[in-house]
PDB file of N, CA and C in Angstrom:
ATOM      1  N   MET A   1      -8.753   3.649 -17.301  1.00  0.00           N
ATOM      2  CA  MET A   1      -7.863   3.050 -16.335  1.00  0.00           C
ATOM      3  C   MET A   1      -7.552   4.055 -15.239  1.00  0.00           C
ATOM      4  N   ALA A   2      -7.733   3.648 -14.022  1.00  0.00           N
ATOM      5  CA  ALA A   2      -7.485   4.528 -12.885  1.00  0.00           C
ATOM      6  C   ALA A   2      -5.993   4.597 -12.582  1.00  0.00           C
ATOM      7  N   THR A   3      -5.591   5.714 -11.994  1.00  0.00           N
ATOM      8  CA  THR A   3      -4.211   5.848 -11.539  1.00  0.00           C
ATOM      9  C   THR A   3      -4.222   6.032 -10.030  1.00  0.00           C
ATOM     10  N   TYR A   4      -3.189   5.511  -9.390  1.00  0.00           N
ATOM     11  CA  TYR A   4      -3.090   5.582  -7.942  1.00  0.00           C
ATOM     12  C   TYR A   4      -1.725   6.105  -7.548  1.00  0.00           C
ATOM     13  N   ASP A   5      -1.630   6.615  -6.352  1.00  0.00           N
ATOM     14  CA  ASP A   5      -0.403   7.186  -5.835  1.00  0.00           C
ATOM     15  C   ASP A   5       0.735   6.160  -5.851  1.00  0.00           C
ATOM     16  N   ALA A   6       1.861   6.555  -6.404  1.00  0.00           N
ATOM     17  CA  ALA A   6       3.008   5.657  -6.513  1.00  0.00           C
ATOM     18  C   ALA A   6       3.538   5.246  -5.140  1.00  0.00           C
ATOM     19  N   ASN A   7       3.415   6.115  -4.139  1.00  0.00           N
ATOM     20  CA  ASN A   7       3.886   5.759  -2.801  1.00  0.00           C
ATOM     21  C   ASN A   7       3.032   4.655  -2.184  1.00  0.00           C
ATOM     22  N   LEU A   8       1.744   4.661  -2.471  1.00  0.00           N
ATOM     23  CA  LEU A   8       0.890   3.567  -2.004  1.00  0.00           C
ATOM     24  C   LEU A   8       1.326   2.260  -2.651  1.00  0.00           C
ATOM     25  N   GLN A   9       1.557   2.281  -3.955  1.00  0.00           N
ATOM     26  CA  GLN A   9       1.977   1.065  -4.642  1.00  0.00           C
ATOM     27  C   GLN A   9       3.333   0.601  -4.141  1.00  0.00           C
ATOM     28  N   ALA A  10       4.237   1.525  -3.857  1.00  0.00           N
ATOM     29  CA  ALA A  10       5.558   1.155  -3.347  1.00  0.00           C
ATOM     30  C   ALA A  10       5.440   0.458  -1.995  1.00  0.00           C
ATOM     31  N   ALA A  11       4.540   0.932  -1.141  1.00  0.00           N
ATOM     32  CA  ALA A  11       4.326   0.288   0.155  1.00  0.00           C
ATOM     33  C   ALA A  11       3.778  -1.123  -0.034  1.00  0.00           C
ATOM     34  N   VAL A  12       2.870  -1.288  -0.978  1.00  0.00           N
ATOM     35  CA  VAL A  12       2.302  -2.606  -1.271  1.00  0.00           C
ATOM     36  C   VAL A  12       3.376  -3.517  -1.853  1.00  0.00           C
ATOM     37  N   ASP A  13       4.193  -3.001  -2.759  1.00  0.00           N
ATOM     38  CA  ASP A  13       5.271  -3.797  -3.354  1.00  0.00           C
ATOM     39  C   ASP A  13       6.255  -4.267  -2.291  1.00  0.00           C
ATOM     40  N   ALA A  14       6.629  -3.365  -1.382  1.00  0.00           N
ATOM     41  CA  ALA A  14       7.567  -3.737  -0.317  1.00  0.00           C
ATOM     42  C   ALA A  14       6.966  -4.815   0.576  1.00  0.00           C
ATOM     43  N   THR A  15       5.679  -4.738   0.822  1.00  0.00           N
ATOM     44  CA  THR A  15       4.998  -5.734   1.644  1.00  0.00           C
ATOM     45  C   THR A  15       4.978  -7.079   0.929  1.00  0.00           C
ATOM     46  N   SER A  16       4.771  -7.061  -0.365  1.00  0.00           N
ATOM     47  CA  SER A  16       4.790  -8.298  -1.144  1.00  0.00           C
ATOM     48  C   SER A  16       6.176  -8.946  -1.099  1.00  0.00           C
ATOM     49  N   ILE A  17       7.213  -8.134  -1.207  1.00  0.00           N
ATOM     50  CA  ILE A  17       8.586  -8.649  -1.127  1.00  0.00           C
ATOM     51  C   ILE A  17       8.840  -9.235   0.255  1.00  0.00           C
ATOM     52  N   ALA A  18       8.350  -8.559   1.285  1.00  0.00           N
ATOM     53  CA  ALA A  18       8.521  -9.064   2.654  1.00  0.00           C
ATOM     54  C   ALA A  18       7.834 -10.418   2.816  1.00  0.00           C
ATOM     55  N   LYS A  19       6.657 -10.573   2.201  1.00  0.00           N
ATOM     56  CA  LYS A  19       5.967 -11.862   2.253  1.00  0.00           C
ATOM     57  C   LYS A  19       6.839 -12.946   1.631  1.00  0.00           C
ATOM     58  N   SER A  20       7.452 -12.638   0.505  1.00  0.00           N
ATOM     59  CA  SER A  20       8.323 -13.596  -0.176  1.00  0.00           C
ATOM     60  C   SER A  20       9.541 -13.954   0.668  1.00  0.00           C
ATOM     61  N   SER A  21       9.916 -13.033   1.567  1.00  0.00           N
ATOM     62  CA  SER A  21      11.075 -13.254   2.438  1.00  0.00           C
ATOM     63  C   SER A  21      10.696 -13.914   3.754  1.00  0.00           C
ATOM     64  N   GLY A  22       9.407 -14.239   3.927  1.00  0.00           N
ATOM     65  CA  GLY A  22       8.980 -14.956   5.118  1.00  0.00           C
ATOM     66  C   GLY A  22       8.211 -14.147   6.146  1.00  0.00           C
ATOM     67  N   GLU A  23       7.987 -12.876   5.893  1.00  0.00           N
ATOM     68  CA  GLU A  23       7.197 -12.064   6.827  1.00  0.00           C
ATOM     69  C   GLU A  23       5.791 -12.639   6.923  1.00  0.00           C
ATOM     70  N   THR A  24       5.285 -12.766   8.147  1.00  0.00           N
ATOM     71  CA  THR A  24       3.954 -13.342   8.320  1.00  0.00           C
ATOM     72  C   THR A  24       2.895 -12.312   8.715  1.00  0.00           C
ATOM     73  N   ASP A  25       3.282 -11.232   9.380  1.00  0.00           N
ATOM     74  CA  ASP A  25       2.315 -10.212   9.787  1.00  0.00           C
ATOM     75  C   ASP A  25       2.306  -9.094   8.747  1.00  0.00           C
ATOM     76  N   LEU A  26       1.656  -9.382   7.635  1.00  0.00           N
ATOM     77  CA  LEU A  26       1.674  -8.450   6.514  1.00  0.00           C
ATOM     78  C   LEU A  26       0.918  -7.159   6.807  1.00  0.00           C
ATOM     79  N   ALA A  27      -0.123  -7.219   7.598  1.00  0.00           N
ATOM     80  CA  ALA A  27      -0.882  -5.998   7.910  1.00  0.00           C
ATOM     81  C   ALA A  27       0.004  -5.011   8.673  1.00  0.00           C
ATOM     82  N   SER A  28       0.725  -5.493   9.665  1.00  0.00           N
ATOM     83  CA  SER A  28       1.631  -4.612  10.421  1.00  0.00           C
ATOM     84  C   SER A  28       2.751  -4.098   9.537  1.00  0.00           C
ATOM     85  N   TYR A  29       3.269  -4.972   8.700  1.00  0.00           N
ATOM     86  CA  TYR A  29       4.344  -4.568   7.799  1.00  0.00           C
ATOM     87  C   TYR A  29       3.856  -3.486   6.841  1.00  0.00           C
ATOM     88  N   LEU A  30       2.673  -3.656   6.298  1.00  0.00           N
ATOM     89  CA  LEU A  30       2.115  -2.654   5.389  1.00  0.00           C
ATOM     90  C   LEU A  30       1.916  -1.327   6.111  1.00  0.00           C
ATOM     91  N   ARG A  31       1.417  -1.368   7.343  1.00  0.00           N
ATOM     92  CA  ARG A  31       1.248  -0.128   8.119  1.00  0.00           C
ATOM     93  C   ARG A  31       2.591   0.585   8.285  1.00  0.00           C
ATOM     94  N   GLU A  32       3.654  -0.176   8.576  1.00  0.00           N
ATOM     95  CA  GLU A  32       4.996   0.410   8.726  1.00  0.00           C
ATOM     96  C   GLU A  32       5.462   1.032   7.413  1.00  0.00           C
ATOM     97  N   GLN A  33       5.214   0.350   6.309  1.00  0.00           N
ATOM     98  CA  GLN A  33       5.617   0.870   5.010  1.00  0.00           C
ATOM     99  C   GLN A  33       4.872   2.162   4.680  1.00  0.00           C
ATOM    100  N   LEU A  34       3.604   2.207   5.010  1.00  0.00           N
ATOM    101  CA  LEU A  34       2.827   3.432   4.781  1.00  0.00           C
ATOM    102  C   LEU A  34       3.374   4.563   5.639  1.00  0.00           C
ATOM    103  N   GLU A  35       3.655   4.267   6.898  1.00  0.00           N
ATOM    104  CA  GLU A  35       4.187   5.283   7.814  1.00  0.00           C
ATOM    105  C   GLU A  35       5.527   5.825   7.311  1.00  0.00           C
ATOM    106  N   GLU A  36       6.398   4.955   6.806  1.00  0.00           N
ATOM    107  CA  GLU A  36       7.690   5.399   6.268  1.00  0.00           C
ATOM    108  C   GLU A  36       7.513   6.365   5.112  1.00  0.00           C
ATOM    109  N   ARG A  37       6.393   6.281   4.435  1.00  0.00           N
ATOM    110  CA  ARG A  37       6.123   7.149   3.279  1.00  0.00           C
ATOM    111  C   ARG A  37       5.192   8.302   3.650  1.00  0.00           C
ATOM    112  N   ASP A  38       5.021   8.518   4.951  1.00  0.00           N
ATOM    113  CA  ASP A  38       4.158   9.598   5.460  1.00  0.00           C
ATOM    114  C   ASP A  38       2.731   9.495   4.949  1.00  0.00           C
ATOM    115  N   ILE A  39       2.239   8.268   4.844  1.00  0.00           N
ATOM    116  CA  ILE A  39       0.854   8.032   4.439  1.00  0.00           C
ATOM    117  C   ILE A  39       0.083   7.583   5.670  1.00  0.00           C
ATOM    118  N   GLU A  40      -0.971   8.321   5.982  1.00  0.00           N
ATOM    119  CA  GLU A  40      -1.792   7.988   7.134  1.00  0.00           C
ATOM    120  C   GLU A  40      -3.122   7.423   6.670  1.00  0.00           C
ATOM    121  N   THR A  41      -3.532   6.323   7.283  1.00  0.00           N
ATOM    122  CA  THR A  41      -4.863   5.778   7.027  1.00  0.00           C
ATOM    123  C   THR A  41      -5.330   5.000   8.241  1.00  0.00           C
ATOM    124  N   LYS A  42      -6.597   5.090   8.490  1.00  0.00           N
ATOM    125  CA  LYS A  42      -7.236   4.277   9.521  1.00  0.00           C
ATOM    126  C   LYS A  42      -8.207   3.298   8.866  1.00  0.00           C
ATOM    127  N   ASP A  43      -8.113   3.156   7.559  1.00  0.00           N
ATOM    128  CA  ASP A  43      -9.003   2.297   6.782  1.00  0.00           C
ATOM    129  C   ASP A  43      -8.521   0.844   6.879  1.00  0.00           C
ATOM    130  N   GLU A  44      -8.906   0.185   7.972  1.00  0.00           N
ATOM    131  CA  GLU A  44      -8.486  -1.197   8.214  1.00  0.00           C
ATOM    132  C   GLU A  44      -9.031  -2.153   7.151  1.00  0.00           C
ATOM    133  N   ALA A  45     -10.193  -1.851   6.610  1.00  0.00           N
ATOM    134  CA  ALA A  45     -10.750  -2.700   5.553  1.00  0.00           C
ATOM    135  C   ALA A  45      -9.839  -2.664   4.330  1.00  0.00           C
ATOM    136  N   TRP A  46      -9.267  -1.499   4.020  1.00  0.00           N
ATOM    137  CA  TRP A  46      -8.350  -1.384   2.890  1.00  0.00           C
ATOM    138  C   TRP A  46      -7.092  -2.207   3.151  1.00  0.00           C
ATOM    139  N   ILE A  47      -6.536  -2.086   4.342  1.00  0.00           N
ATOM    140  CA  ILE A  47      -5.321  -2.836   4.685  1.00  0.00           C
ATOM    141  C   ILE A  47      -5.574  -4.333   4.561  1.00  0.00           C
ATOM    142  N   GLU A  48      -6.672  -4.806   5.106  1.00  0.00           N
ATOM    143  CA  GLU A  48      -6.988  -6.239   5.018  1.00  0.00           C
ATOM    144  C   GLU A  48      -7.218  -6.667   3.571  1.00  0.00           C
ATOM    145  N   HIS A  49      -7.854  -5.810   2.781  1.00  0.00           N
ATOM    146  CA  HIS A  49      -8.074  -6.095   1.357  1.00  0.00           C
ATOM    147  C   HIS A  49      -6.733  -6.253   0.636  1.00  0.00           C
ATOM    148  N   ILE A  50      -5.819  -5.333   0.896  1.00  0.00           N
ATOM    149  CA  ILE A  50      -4.511  -5.375   0.248  1.00  0.00           C
ATOM    150  C   ILE A  50      -3.747  -6.629   0.653  1.00  0.00           C
ATOM    151  N   VAL A  51      -3.764  -6.962   1.941  1.00  0.00           N
ATOM    152  CA  VAL A  51      -3.069  -8.163   2.419  1.00  0.00           C
ATOM    153  C   VAL A  51      -3.640  -9.407   1.733  1.00  0.00           C
ATOM    154  N   GLN A  52      -4.955  -9.481   1.632  1.00  0.00           N
ATOM    155  CA  GLN A  52      -5.586 -10.619   0.964  1.00  0.00           C
ATOM    156  C   GLN A  52      -5.136 -10.700  -0.494  1.00  0.00           C
ATOM    157  N   LYS A  53      -5.108  -9.558  -1.167  1.00  0.00           N
ATOM    158  CA  LYS A  53      -4.705  -9.537  -2.575  1.00  0.00           C
ATOM    159  C   LYS A  53      -3.236  -9.926  -2.747  1.00  0.00           C
ATOM    160  N   ILE A  54      -2.377  -9.525  -1.816  1.00  0.00           N
ATOM    161  CA  ILE A  54      -0.963  -9.910  -1.871  1.00  0.00           C
ATOM    162  C   ILE A  54      -0.830 -11.420  -1.728  1.00  0.00           C
ATOM    163  N   HIS A  55      -1.642 -12.024  -0.853  1.00  0.00           N
ATOM    164  CA  HIS A  55      -1.617 -13.483  -0.708  1.00  0.00           C
ATOM    165  C   HIS A  55      -2.037 -14.163  -2.018  1.00  0.00           C
ATOM    166  N   GLU A  56      -2.991 -13.578  -2.719  1.00  0.00           N
ATOM    167  CA  GLU A  56      -3.479 -14.157  -3.980  1.00  0.00           C
ATOM    168  C   GLU A  56      -2.513 -13.934  -5.137  1.00  0.00           C
ATOM    169  N   ASP A  57      -1.859 -12.764  -5.161  1.00  0.00           N
ATOM    170  CA  ASP A  57      -1.011 -12.401  -6.291  1.00  0.00           C
ATOM    171  C   ASP A  57       0.140 -11.531  -5.792  1.00  0.00           C
ATOM    172  N   PRO A  58       1.369 -12.056  -5.769  1.00  0.00           N
ATOM    173  CA  PRO A  58       2.493 -11.259  -5.269  1.00  0.00           C
ATOM    174  C   PRO A  58       2.796 -10.027  -6.124  1.00  0.00           C
ATOM    175  N   ASN A  59       2.265  -9.963  -7.325  1.00  0.00           N
ATOM    176  CA  ASN A  59       2.475  -8.809  -8.202  1.00  0.00           C
ATOM    177  C   ASN A  59       1.262  -7.885  -8.226  1.00  0.00           C
ATOM    178  N   PHE A  60       0.467  -7.921  -7.183  1.00  0.00           N
ATOM    179  CA  PHE A  60      -0.777  -7.159  -7.118  1.00  0.00           C
ATOM    180  C   PHE A  60      -0.539  -5.660  -7.279  1.00  0.00           C
ATOM    181  N   MET A  61      -1.314  -5.064  -8.165  1.00  0.00           N
ATOM    182  CA  MET A  61      -1.327  -3.611  -8.348  1.00  0.00           C
ATOM    183  C   MET A  61      -2.578  -3.088  -7.654  1.00  0.00           C
ATOM    184  N   ILE A  62      -2.421  -2.075  -6.822  1.00  0.00           N
ATOM    185  CA  ILE A  62      -3.565  -1.607  -6.043  1.00  0.00           C
ATOM    186  C   ILE A  62      -4.731  -1.258  -6.958  1.00  0.00           C
ATOM    187  N   ASP A  63      -5.921  -1.545  -6.460  1.00  0.00           N
ATOM    188  CA  ASP A  63      -7.128  -1.306  -7.243  1.00  0.00           C
ATOM    189  C   ASP A  63      -7.985  -0.181  -6.675  1.00  0.00           C
ATOM    190  N   ARG A  64      -7.564   0.327  -5.536  1.00  0.00           N
ATOM    191  CA  ARG A  64      -8.255   1.476  -4.937  1.00  0.00           C
ATOM    192  C   ARG A  64      -7.387   2.026  -3.820  1.00  0.00           C
ATOM    193  N   GLU A  65      -7.676   3.257  -3.434  1.00  0.00           N
ATOM    194  CA  GLU A  65      -6.959   3.902  -2.339  1.00  0.00           C
ATOM    195  C   GLU A  65      -7.774   3.776  -1.063  1.00  0.00           C
ATOM    196  N   PRO A  66      -7.134   3.939   0.098  1.00  0.00           N
ATOM    197  CA  PRO A  66      -7.904   3.923   1.345  1.00  0.00           C
ATOM    198  C   PRO A  66      -8.979   5.010   1.325  1.00  0.00           C
ATOM    199  N   ASP A  67     -10.092   4.749   1.989  1.00  0.00           N
ATOM    200  CA  ASP A  67     -11.204   5.707   1.993  1.00  0.00           C
ATOM    201  C   ASP A  67     -10.808   7.062   2.564  1.00  0.00           C
ATOM    202  N   ASP A  68      -9.889   7.078   3.526  1.00  0.00           N
ATOM    203  CA  ASP A  68      -9.507   8.328   4.172  1.00  0.00           C
ATOM    204  C   ASP A  68      -8.199   8.911   3.619  1.00  0.00           C
ATOM    205  N   TYR A  69      -7.773   8.422   2.469  1.00  0.00           N
ATOM    206  CA  TYR A  69      -6.503   8.866   1.894  1.00  0.00           C
ATOM    207  C   TYR A  69      -6.663  10.211   1.215  1.00  0.00           C
ATOM    208  N   GLU A  70      -5.747  11.115   1.523  1.00  0.00           N
ATOM    209  CA  GLU A  70      -5.730  12.413   0.865  1.00  0.00           C
ATOM    210  C   GLU A  70      -4.514  12.469  -0.037  1.00  0.00           C
ATOM    211  N   ARG A  71      -4.772  12.465  -1.320  1.00  0.00           N
ATOM    212  CA  ARG A  71      -3.691  12.474  -2.306  1.00  0.00           C
ATOM    213  C   ARG A  71      -2.940  13.802  -2.208  1.00  0.00           C
ATOM    214  N   PRO A  72      -1.601  13.730  -2.167  1.00  0.00           N
ATOM    215  CA  PRO A  72      -0.835  14.985  -2.089  1.00  0.00           C
ATOM    216  C   PRO A  72      -0.993  15.816  -3.359  1.00  0.00           C
ATOM    217  N   GLU A  73      -0.801  17.103  -3.192  1.00  0.00           N
ATOM    218  CA  GLU A  73      -0.859  18.014  -4.346  1.00  0.00           C
ATOM    219  C   GLU A  73       0.295  17.691  -5.287  1.00  0.00           C
ATOM    220  N   PRO A  74       0.041  17.703  -6.586  1.00  0.00           N
ATOM    221  CA  PRO A  74       1.134  17.451  -7.541  1.00  0.00           C
ATOM    222  C   PRO A  74       2.212  18.522  -7.412  1.00  0.00           C
ATOM    223  N   GLN A  75       3.449  18.091  -7.537  1.00  0.00           N
ATOM    224  CA  GLN A  75       4.580  19.021  -7.487  1.00  0.00           C
ATOM    225  C   GLN A  75       4.997  19.352  -8.915  1.00  0.00           C
ATOM    226  N   LEU A  76       5.153  20.633  -9.192  1.00  0.00           N
ATOM    227  CA  LEU A  76       5.616  21.058 -10.511  1.00  0.00           C
ATOM    228  C   LEU A  76       7.136  20.931 -10.568  1.00  0.00           C
ATOM    229  N   PRO A  77       7.662  20.520 -11.708  1.00  0.00           N
ATOM    230  CA  PRO A  77       9.122  20.449 -11.818  1.00  0.00           C
ATOM    231  C   PRO A  77       9.742  21.828 -11.690  1.00  0.00           C
ATOM    232  N   ARG A  78      10.919  21.864 -11.128  1.00  0.00           N
ATOM    233  CA  ARG A  78      11.606  23.166 -10.950  1.00  0.00           C
ATOM    234  C   ARG A  78      12.461  23.471 -12.137  1.00  0.00           C
TER     235      ARG A  78
END
């Protein structure tokens, strides 16, 4: 089972909630959510894939990361 960055999933979850609240431009909303979490991507195919999956399943768990995503270094507990 693959693991993915929790911040990516949080952005997807927030977008799914926005859809439930009536948001119609999910791609723009997802981009804003990623930006709020300091996640940069130009992978438009990934964004469109995620939006499609949110339409199919509001509880969608990401199945891949954007192609240009650089996972942050793990932080050790202090």
